[in-house]
Amino acid sequence: MSVAPLPVTTGEQGFRVIRGRRLRRPTVAPWSIVVVIAILAFLGLGLARTSLDRSAFELAELDKAIRAQSAANLELALEVARLESPARIAPLAEELGLVIPDATNPLLVDLVPDQPVLAGLDEVRANQ
């Protein structure tokens, strides 16, 4: 076995340092902004959905109230029709002494805008 010294190398043949870009840590700010926007969008959609559901419940309650009031209105219209019935009014009028006249006297009025129409006392008594 023989030992021989290693040849001395100059700086050209050995390792050399190449200057490159410095490694940077990835920035967190853009990702955090995206995450915050995503969370706000999710919360906004939840809020919009909640308000729409609340409006739907209020609309359902209003529809129920409208149906109830329509039924009450129909009952009142039937009551008015019953109270306006001539069959109910005629006996009440006879009890008060109101009767249907046997003869009627027509009253003819000539409406001329320039002259006022005055009814005579005799004509008023004849129509009574």
N, C-alpha and C. Protein backbone atom coordinates (compact mmCIF):
# COMPACT_ATOMS: atom_id res chain seq x y z
N MET A 1 0.80 -1.12 0.00
CA MET A 1 0.00 0.00 0.00
C MET A 1 0.89 1.24 0.00
N SER A 2 0.48 2.05 -0.87
CA SER A 2 1.29 3.23 -0.97
C SER A 2 0.42 4.45 -0.72
N VAL A 3 1.01 5.40 -0.16
CA VAL A 3 0.26 6.61 0.19
C VAL A 3 0.85 7.73 -0.63
N ALA A 4 -0.10 8.42 -1.30
CA ALA A 4 0.34 9.54 -2.08
C ALA A 4 -0.46 10.77 -1.66
N PRO A 5 0.15 11.90 -1.59
CA PRO A 5 -0.60 13.09 -1.16
C PRO A 5 -1.60 13.52 -2.23
N LEU A 6 -2.68 14.05 -1.78
CA LEU A 6 -3.71 14.55 -2.69
C LEU A 6 -3.21 15.82 -3.35
N PRO A 7 -3.56 15.97 -4.60
CA PRO A 7 -3.11 17.18 -5.24
C PRO A 7 -3.83 18.40 -4.67
N VAL A 8 -3.19 19.46 -4.55
CA VAL A 8 -3.76 20.70 -4.01
C VAL A 8 -4.58 21.33 -5.12
N THR A 9 -5.78 21.64 -4.78
CA THR A 9 -6.67 22.23 -5.79
C THR A 9 -6.75 23.72 -5.56
N THR A 10 -6.95 24.38 -6.62
CA THR A 10 -7.12 25.82 -6.51
C THR A 10 -8.60 26.13 -6.33
N GLY A 11 -8.91 27.33 -6.16
CA GLY A 11 -10.30 27.74 -5.91
C GLY A 11 -11.21 27.47 -7.09
N GLU A 12 -10.70 27.27 -8.24
CA GLU A 12 -11.53 27.11 -9.41
C GLU A 12 -12.15 25.73 -9.47
N GLN A 13 -11.53 24.73 -8.98
CA GLN A 13 -12.02 23.39 -9.14
C GLN A 13 -12.88 22.94 -7.97
N GLY A 14 -12.88 23.57 -6.89
CA GLY A 14 -13.64 23.14 -5.72
C GLY A 14 -15.07 23.68 -5.72
N PHE A 15 -15.55 23.71 -4.58
CA PHE A 15 -16.92 24.25 -4.41
C PHE A 15 -16.92 25.74 -4.65
N ARG A 16 -17.98 26.19 -5.21
CA ARG A 16 -18.09 27.63 -5.37
C ARG A 16 -19.47 28.07 -4.91
N VAL A 17 -19.60 29.28 -4.49
CA VAL A 17 -20.84 29.83 -3.94
C VAL A 17 -21.55 30.59 -5.04
N ILE A 18 -22.78 30.20 -5.26
CA ILE A 18 -23.60 30.90 -6.25
C ILE A 18 -24.62 31.72 -5.48
N ARG A 19 -24.61 32.97 -5.76
CA ARG A 19 -25.56 33.83 -5.06
C ARG A 19 -26.91 33.68 -5.73
N GLY A 20 -27.92 33.41 -4.97
CA GLY A 20 -29.28 33.25 -5.49
C GLY A 20 -30.24 34.10 -4.68
N ARG A 21 -31.51 33.87 -4.95
CA ARG A 21 -32.51 34.62 -4.19
C ARG A 21 -32.62 34.05 -2.80
N ARG A 22 -32.92 34.91 -1.93
CA ARG A 22 -33.12 34.48 -0.56
C ARG A 22 -34.45 33.78 -0.45
N LEU A 23 -34.50 32.72 0.26
CA LEU A 23 -35.77 32.03 0.46
C LEU A 23 -36.64 32.87 1.39
N ARG A 24 -37.89 33.13 0.91
CA ARG A 24 -38.81 33.93 1.72
C ARG A 24 -39.88 33.02 2.30
N ARG A 25 -40.30 33.38 3.45
CA ARG A 25 -41.42 32.65 4.03
C ARG A 25 -42.67 33.02 3.25
N PRO A 26 -43.61 32.10 3.05
CA PRO A 26 -44.85 32.47 2.37
C PRO A 26 -45.64 33.45 3.22
N THR A 27 -46.23 34.43 2.56
CA THR A 27 -46.96 35.46 3.31
C THR A 27 -48.34 34.93 3.69
N VAL A 28 -48.79 35.30 4.85
CA VAL A 28 -50.06 34.84 5.38
C VAL A 28 -51.18 35.83 5.08
N ALA A 29 -50.85 37.06 4.82
CA ALA A 29 -51.86 38.10 4.65
C ALA A 29 -52.85 37.80 3.53
N PRO A 30 -52.45 37.42 2.31
CA PRO A 30 -53.45 37.16 1.27
C PRO A 30 -54.39 36.02 1.63
N TRP A 31 -53.83 34.97 2.24
CA TRP A 31 -54.69 33.84 2.61
C TRP A 31 -55.65 34.21 3.73
N SER A 32 -55.17 35.00 4.66
CA SER A 32 -56.06 35.40 5.76
C SER A 32 -57.19 36.29 5.23
N ILE A 33 -56.89 37.13 4.25
CA ILE A 33 -57.93 37.98 3.66
C ILE A 33 -58.97 37.11 2.96
N VAL A 34 -58.53 36.10 2.24
CA VAL A 34 -59.45 35.20 1.56
C VAL A 34 -60.32 34.45 2.57
N VAL A 35 -59.71 34.01 3.66
CA VAL A 35 -60.46 33.30 4.69
C VAL A 35 -61.49 34.22 5.34
N VAL A 36 -61.11 35.45 5.63
CA VAL A 36 -62.04 36.41 6.25
C VAL A 36 -63.20 36.70 5.29
N ILE A 37 -62.92 36.87 4.01
CA ILE A 37 -63.99 37.12 3.03
C ILE A 37 -64.92 35.91 2.94
N ALA A 38 -64.37 34.70 2.96
CA ALA A 38 -65.19 33.49 2.90
C ALA A 38 -66.09 33.38 4.13
N ILE A 39 -65.54 33.68 5.30
CA ILE A 39 -66.34 33.62 6.53
C ILE A 39 -67.44 34.67 6.50
N LEU A 40 -67.12 35.88 6.07
CA LEU A 40 -68.13 36.93 5.99
C LEU A 40 -69.22 36.57 4.98
N ALA A 41 -68.85 35.96 3.86
CA ALA A 41 -69.85 35.54 2.87
C ALA A 41 -70.75 34.47 3.45
N PHE A 42 -70.18 33.53 4.17
CA PHE A 42 -70.98 32.47 4.79
C PHE A 42 -71.95 33.04 5.82
N LEU A 43 -71.46 33.95 6.66
CA LEU A 43 -72.33 34.57 7.65
C LEU A 43 -73.40 35.44 7.00
N GLY A 44 -73.04 36.13 5.92
CA GLY A 44 -74.02 36.94 5.19
C GLY A 44 -75.12 36.09 4.58
N LEU A 45 -74.75 34.96 4.01
CA LEU A 45 -75.77 34.06 3.46
C LEU A 45 -76.68 33.51 4.55
N GLY A 46 -76.10 33.19 5.69
CA GLY A 46 -76.91 32.71 6.81
C GLY A 46 -77.87 33.77 7.29
N LEU A 47 -77.41 35.00 7.38
CA LEU A 47 -78.26 36.11 7.81
C LEU A 47 -79.38 36.36 6.80
N ALA A 48 -79.03 36.33 5.51
CA ALA A 48 -80.06 36.53 4.47
C ALA A 48 -81.10 35.42 4.53
N ARG A 49 -80.66 34.20 4.72
CA ARG A 49 -81.60 33.07 4.80
C ARG A 49 -82.51 33.22 6.02
N THR A 50 -81.95 33.63 7.14
CA THR A 50 -82.75 33.82 8.35
C THR A 50 -83.79 34.91 8.17
N SER A 51 -83.40 36.02 7.56
CA SER A 51 -84.36 37.10 7.37
C SER A 51 -85.44 36.70 6.38
N LEU A 52 -85.09 35.93 5.35
CA LEU A 52 -86.11 35.46 4.41
C LEU A 52 -87.07 34.49 5.08
N ASP A 53 -86.56 33.63 5.95
CA ASP A 53 -87.44 32.71 6.67
C ASP A 53 -88.37 33.47 7.61
N ARG A 54 -87.84 34.48 8.28
CA ARG A 54 -88.66 35.29 9.18
C ARG A 54 -89.77 35.99 8.39
N SER A 55 -89.42 36.50 7.21
CA SER A 55 -90.43 37.16 6.36
C SER A 55 -91.48 36.16 5.89
N ALA A 56 -91.06 34.94 5.61
CA ALA A 56 -92.02 33.91 5.18
C ALA A 56 -92.98 33.58 6.31
N PHE A 57 -92.49 33.51 7.55
CA PHE A 57 -93.38 33.24 8.69
C PHE A 57 -94.37 34.39 8.89
N GLU A 58 -93.89 35.62 8.78
CA GLU A 58 -94.79 36.77 8.91
C GLU A 58 -95.83 36.77 7.80
N LEU A 59 -95.43 36.41 6.59
CA LEU A 59 -96.36 36.35 5.48
C LEU A 59 -97.41 35.27 5.70
N ALA A 60 -97.02 34.14 6.25
CA ALA A 60 -97.98 33.08 6.56
C ALA A 60 -98.98 33.54 7.62
N GLU A 61 -98.50 34.27 8.63
CA GLU A 61 -99.40 34.78 9.67
C GLU A 61 -100.37 35.80 9.08
N LEU A 62 -99.88 36.66 8.18
CA LEU A 62 -100.75 37.64 7.54
C LEU A 62 -101.80 36.97 6.65
N ASP A 63 -101.41 35.91 5.95
CA ASP A 63 -102.37 35.18 5.13
C ASP A 63 -103.46 34.56 6.01
N LYS A 64 -103.06 34.03 7.16
CA LYS A 64 -104.04 33.44 8.07
C LYS A 64 -105.00 34.52 8.59
N ALA A 65 -104.46 35.69 8.92
CA ALA A 65 -105.31 36.79 9.40
C ALA A 65 -106.24 37.28 8.30
N ILE A 66 -105.76 37.32 7.06
CA ILE A 66 -106.61 37.75 5.94
C ILE A 66 -107.75 36.77 5.75
N ARG A 67 -107.46 35.47 5.83
CA ARG A 67 -108.54 34.48 5.69
C ARG A 67 -109.58 34.62 6.80
N ALA A 68 -109.12 34.86 8.03
CA ALA A 68 -110.05 35.02 9.15
C ALA A 68 -110.91 36.26 8.96
N GLN A 69 -110.30 37.36 8.53
CA GLN A 69 -111.07 38.59 8.33
C GLN A 69 -112.01 38.47 7.14
N SER A 70 -111.63 37.71 6.12
CA SER A 70 -112.52 37.49 4.99
C SER A 70 -113.75 36.70 5.42
N ALA A 71 -113.54 35.71 6.28
CA ALA A 71 -114.68 34.94 6.79
C ALA A 71 -115.59 35.83 7.63
N ALA A 72 -114.99 36.68 8.48
CA ALA A 72 -115.79 37.59 9.29
C ALA A 72 -116.54 38.58 8.40
N ASN A 73 -115.90 39.06 7.34
CA ASN A 73 -116.54 39.99 6.41
C ASN A 73 -117.72 39.32 5.71
N LEU A 74 -117.57 38.06 5.33
CA LEU A 74 -118.67 37.33 4.69
C LEU A 74 -119.83 37.17 5.66
N GLU A 75 -119.54 36.87 6.92
CA GLU A 75 -120.62 36.75 7.93
C GLU A 75 -121.33 38.08 8.11
N LEU A 76 -120.57 39.18 8.13
CA LEU A 76 -121.20 40.50 8.27
C LEU A 76 -122.02 40.86 7.04
N ALA A 77 -121.57 40.49 5.85
CA ALA A 77 -122.35 40.74 4.64
C ALA A 77 -123.65 39.96 4.67
N LEU A 78 -123.60 38.72 5.16
CA LEU A 78 -124.83 37.93 5.28
C LEU A 78 -125.78 38.55 6.31
N GLU A 79 -125.24 39.07 7.39
CA GLU A 79 -126.06 39.73 8.41
C GLU A 79 -126.72 40.99 7.85
N VAL A 80 -125.96 41.78 7.07
CA VAL A 80 -126.53 42.97 6.44
C VAL A 80 -127.64 42.58 5.48
N ALA A 81 -127.43 41.53 4.69
CA ALA A 81 -128.45 41.09 3.75
C ALA A 81 -129.69 40.63 4.49
N ARG A 82 -129.52 39.95 5.61
CA ARG A 82 -130.67 39.50 6.40
C ARG A 82 -131.42 40.69 6.99
N LEU A 83 -130.67 41.69 7.48
CA LEU A 83 -131.32 42.86 8.08
C LEU A 83 -131.99 43.74 7.03
N GLU A 84 -131.50 43.75 5.79
CA GLU A 84 -132.10 44.56 4.73
C GLU A 84 -133.27 43.86 4.05
N SER A 85 -133.56 42.66 4.45
CA SER A 85 -134.59 41.87 3.79
C SER A 85 -135.96 42.56 3.91
N PRO A 86 -136.67 42.76 2.80
CA PRO A 86 -138.01 43.38 2.86
C PRO A 86 -138.99 42.54 3.68
N ALA A 87 -138.80 41.23 3.69
CA ALA A 87 -139.69 40.37 4.48
C ALA A 87 -139.54 40.66 5.97
N ARG A 88 -138.39 41.10 6.43
CA ARG A 88 -138.20 41.44 7.84
C ARG A 88 -138.65 42.87 8.12
N ILE A 89 -138.44 43.77 7.14
CA ILE A 89 -138.73 45.18 7.36
C ILE A 89 -140.23 45.47 7.29
N ALA A 90 -140.98 44.80 6.43
CA ALA A 90 -142.41 45.09 6.23
C ALA A 90 -143.22 44.96 7.52
N PRO A 91 -143.11 43.87 8.29
CA PRO A 91 -143.89 43.80 9.54
C PRO A 91 -143.49 44.88 10.55
N LEU A 92 -142.20 45.22 10.59
CA LEU A 92 -141.75 46.27 11.51
C LEU A 92 -142.33 47.63 11.10
N ALA A 93 -142.39 47.88 9.80
CA ALA A 93 -142.95 49.15 9.32
C ALA A 93 -144.45 49.22 9.61
N GLU A 94 -145.17 48.12 9.47
CA GLU A 94 -146.61 48.11 9.78
C GLU A 94 -146.86 48.36 11.26
N GLU A 95 -145.96 47.83 12.12
CA GLU A 95 -146.11 48.10 13.56
C GLU A 95 -145.93 49.58 13.88
N LEU A 96 -145.11 50.27 13.10
CA LEU A 96 -144.90 51.69 13.30
C LEU A 96 -145.98 52.54 12.63
N GLY A 97 -146.89 51.90 11.89
CA GLY A 97 -147.97 52.63 11.24
C GLY A 97 -147.66 53.05 9.83
N LEU A 98 -146.62 52.55 9.25
CA LEU A 98 -146.28 52.87 7.87
C LEU A 98 -146.99 51.89 6.96
N VAL A 99 -147.66 52.43 5.94
CA VAL A 99 -148.38 51.58 5.00
C VAL A 99 -148.03 52.00 3.58
N ILE A 100 -148.26 51.12 2.64
CA ILE A 100 -148.04 51.43 1.24
C ILE A 100 -149.24 52.25 0.77
N PRO A 101 -149.03 53.41 0.14
CA PRO A 101 -150.16 54.26 -0.28
C PRO A 101 -150.96 53.57 -1.39
N ASP A 102 -152.29 53.84 -1.40
CA ASP A 102 -153.16 53.27 -2.43
C ASP A 102 -152.95 53.98 -3.75
N ALA A 103 -152.87 55.28 -3.70
CA ALA A 103 -152.71 56.05 -4.94
C ALA A 103 -151.49 56.93 -4.81
N THR A 104 -150.81 57.11 -5.90
CA THR A 104 -149.64 57.98 -5.91
C THR A 104 -149.88 59.13 -6.85
N ASN A 105 -149.40 60.27 -6.50
CA ASN A 105 -149.51 61.47 -7.32
C ASN A 105 -148.12 61.78 -7.87
N PRO A 106 -147.94 61.71 -9.19
CA PRO A 106 -146.62 62.02 -9.73
C PRO A 106 -146.33 63.51 -9.60
N LEU A 107 -145.13 63.83 -9.36
CA LEU A 107 -144.68 65.21 -9.22
C LEU A 107 -143.74 65.48 -10.38
N LEU A 108 -144.13 66.35 -11.28
CA LEU A 108 -143.31 66.70 -12.43
C LEU A 108 -142.62 68.02 -12.15
N VAL A 109 -141.34 68.04 -12.30
CA VAL A 109 -140.54 69.23 -12.02
C VAL A 109 -139.79 69.60 -13.29
N ASP A 110 -139.96 70.84 -13.70
CA ASP A 110 -139.23 71.35 -14.85
C ASP A 110 -138.00 72.07 -14.30
N LEU A 111 -136.84 71.50 -14.53
CA LEU A 111 -135.61 72.07 -13.98
C LEU A 111 -134.95 72.97 -15.01
N VAL A 112 -135.21 74.26 -14.84
CA VAL A 112 -134.58 75.27 -15.67
C VAL A 112 -133.57 75.97 -14.78
N PRO A 113 -132.32 76.02 -15.17
CA PRO A 113 -131.30 76.57 -14.29
C PRO A 113 -131.50 78.05 -13.97
N ASP A 114 -132.17 78.80 -14.85
CA ASP A 114 -132.31 80.23 -14.61
C ASP A 114 -133.39 80.54 -13.57
N GLN A 115 -134.39 79.70 -13.50
CA GLN A 115 -135.51 79.99 -12.61
C GLN A 115 -135.58 78.94 -11.51
N PRO A 116 -135.68 79.37 -10.25
CA PRO A 116 -135.81 78.39 -9.17
C PRO A 116 -137.20 77.75 -9.20
N VAL A 117 -137.27 76.54 -8.79
CA VAL A 117 -138.54 75.80 -8.75
C VAL A 117 -139.09 75.92 -7.34
N LEU A 118 -140.31 76.43 -7.23
CA LEU A 118 -140.96 76.57 -5.94
C LEU A 118 -142.21 75.71 -5.95
N ALA A 119 -142.36 74.89 -4.96
CA ALA A 119 -143.56 74.06 -4.87
C ALA A 119 -144.60 74.83 -4.08
N GLY A 120 -145.79 74.79 -4.59
CA GLY A 120 -146.89 75.48 -3.90
C GLY A 120 -147.35 74.66 -2.71
N LEU A 121 -147.98 75.33 -1.77
CA LEU A 121 -148.46 74.70 -0.57
C LEU A 121 -149.54 73.67 -0.87
N ASP A 122 -150.40 73.95 -1.87
CA ASP A 122 -151.46 73.02 -2.23
C ASP A 122 -150.89 71.74 -2.81
N GLU A 123 -149.84 71.84 -3.62
CA GLU A 123 -149.24 70.67 -4.22
C GLU A 123 -148.56 69.79 -3.18
N VAL A 124 -147.97 70.45 -2.16
CA VAL A 124 -147.29 69.68 -1.10
C VAL A 124 -148.32 68.91 -0.31
N ARG A 125 -149.50 69.51 0.01
CA ARG A 125 -150.54 68.83 0.75
C ARG A 125 -151.14 67.68 -0.06
N ALA A 126 -151.24 67.86 -1.36
CA ALA A 126 -151.85 66.84 -2.21
C ALA A 126 -150.93 65.60 -2.30
N ASN A 127 -149.63 65.79 -2.20
CA ASN A 127 -148.69 64.67 -2.29
C ASN A 127 -148.56 63.94 -0.96
N GLN A 128 -149.05 64.53 0.11
CA GLN A 128 -148.90 63.87 1.39
C GLN A 128 -149.88 62.82 1.57
